[in-house]
């Protein structure tokens, strides 16, 4: 089983609690995503793209 949309949002929420700055969140996400399998990383990126796409139009 891969990363579903609920897992994605839980992960994003966890990153919020790592610190007040964007740099701290990026560090957290980078470290955690680096541990993901390729499949899980691709699932995460797919959810991220689906979330960001409407904001970019």
C-alpha atoms as a PDB file:
ATOM      1  CA  UNK A   1       0.000   0.000   0.000  1.00  0.00           C
ATOM      2  CA  UNK A   2       1.262   3.455  -0.884  1.00  0.00           C
ATOM      3  CA  UNK A   3       0.717   6.925   0.485  1.00  0.00           C
ATOM      4  CA  UNK A   4      -2.973   7.826   0.322  1.00  0.00           C
ATOM      5  CA  UNK A   5      -4.370  11.354   0.522  1.00  0.00           C
ATOM      6  CA  UNK A   6      -4.977  11.094   4.280  1.00  0.00           C
ATOM      7  CA  UNK A   7      -1.365  10.007   4.820  1.00  0.00           C
ATOM      8  CA  UNK A   8      -0.222  12.927   2.672  1.00  0.00           C
ATOM      9  CA  UNK A   9      -2.113  15.489   4.754  1.00  0.00           C
ATOM     10  CA  UNK A  10      -0.999  13.893   8.015  1.00  0.00           C
ATOM     11  CA  UNK A  11       2.588  14.177   6.842  1.00  0.00           C
ATOM     12  CA  UNK A  12       2.111  17.833   5.866  1.00  0.00           C
ATOM     13  CA  UNK A  13       0.523  18.544   9.249  1.00  0.00           C
ATOM     14  CA  UNK A  14       3.451  16.901  11.042  1.00  0.00           C
ATOM     15  CA  UNK A  15       5.829  19.185   9.167  1.00  0.00           C
ATOM     16  CA  UNK A  16       3.972  22.197  10.567  1.00  0.00           C
ATOM     17  CA  UNK A  17       4.909  21.176  14.090  1.00  0.00           C
ATOM     18  CA  UNK A  18       8.653  20.952  13.424  1.00  0.00           C
ATOM     19  CA  UNK A  19       9.179  24.698  13.735  1.00  0.00           C
ATOM     20  CA  UNK A  20       7.928  28.091  12.709  1.00  0.00           C
ATOM     21  CA  UNK A  21      10.106  28.621   9.642  1.00  0.00           C
ATOM     22  CA  UNK A  22       9.798  27.304   6.128  1.00  0.00           C
ATOM     23  CA  UNK A  23      13.420  26.141   6.342  1.00  0.00           C
ATOM     24  CA  UNK A  24      12.627  23.901   9.323  1.00  0.00           C
ATOM     25  CA  UNK A  25       9.642  22.407   7.498  1.00  0.00           C
ATOM     26  CA  UNK A  26      11.725  21.818   4.368  1.00  0.00           C
ATOM     27  CA  UNK A  27      14.429  20.112   6.418  1.00  0.00           C
ATOM     28  CA  UNK A  28      11.860  17.860   8.083  1.00  0.00           C
ATOM     29  CA  UNK A  29      10.236  16.974   4.756  1.00  0.00           C
ATOM     30  CA  UNK A  30      13.587  16.361   3.074  1.00  0.00           C
ATOM     31  CA  UNK A  31      14.780  14.050   5.813  1.00  0.00           C
ATOM     32  CA  UNK A  32      11.516  12.104   5.968  1.00  0.00           C
ATOM     33  CA  UNK A  33      11.003  11.887   2.206  1.00  0.00           C
ATOM     34  CA  UNK A  34      14.564  10.630   1.856  1.00  0.00           C
ATOM     35  CA  UNK A  35      13.507   7.524   3.790  1.00  0.00           C
ATOM     36  CA  UNK A  36      10.523   6.784   1.535  1.00  0.00           C
ATOM     37  CA  UNK A  37      10.627   4.003  -1.005  1.00  0.00           C
ATOM     38  CA  UNK A  38      10.458   5.161  -4.613  1.00  0.00           C
ATOM     39  CA  UNK A  39       6.808   4.093  -4.824  1.00  0.00           C
ATOM     40  CA  UNK A  40       5.823   6.021  -1.699  1.00  0.00           C
ATOM     41  CA  UNK A  41       7.761   9.071  -2.848  1.00  0.00           C
ATOM     42  CA  UNK A  42       5.944   9.020  -6.193  1.00  0.00           C
ATOM     43  CA  UNK A  43       2.607   8.730  -4.365  1.00  0.00           C
ATOM     44  CA  UNK A  44       3.529  11.741  -2.227  1.00  0.00           C
ATOM     45  CA  UNK A  45       4.540  13.783  -5.283  1.00  0.00           C
ATOM     46  CA  UNK A  46       1.295  12.862  -7.027  1.00  0.00           C
ATOM     47  CA  UNK A  47      -0.761  14.149  -4.081  1.00  0.00           C
ATOM     48  CA  UNK A  48       1.384  17.288  -3.872  1.00  0.00           C
ATOM     49  CA  UNK A  49       0.888  17.980  -7.579  1.00  0.00           C
ATOM     50  CA  UNK A  50      -2.861  17.426  -7.341  1.00  0.00           C
ATOM     51  CA  UNK A  51      -3.008  19.877  -4.456  1.00  0.00           C
ATOM     52  CA  UNK A  52      -0.859  22.548  -6.061  1.00  0.00           C
ATOM     53  CA  UNK A  53      -2.237  22.360  -9.599  1.00  0.00           C
ATOM     54  CA  UNK A  54      -5.463  24.300  -8.890  1.00  0.00           C
ATOM     55  CA  UNK A  55      -3.459  27.031  -7.151  1.00  0.00           C
ATOM     56  CA  UNK A  56      -1.205  27.411 -10.194  1.00  0.00           C
ATOM     57  CA  UNK A  57      -4.051  28.078 -12.626  1.00  0.00           C
END
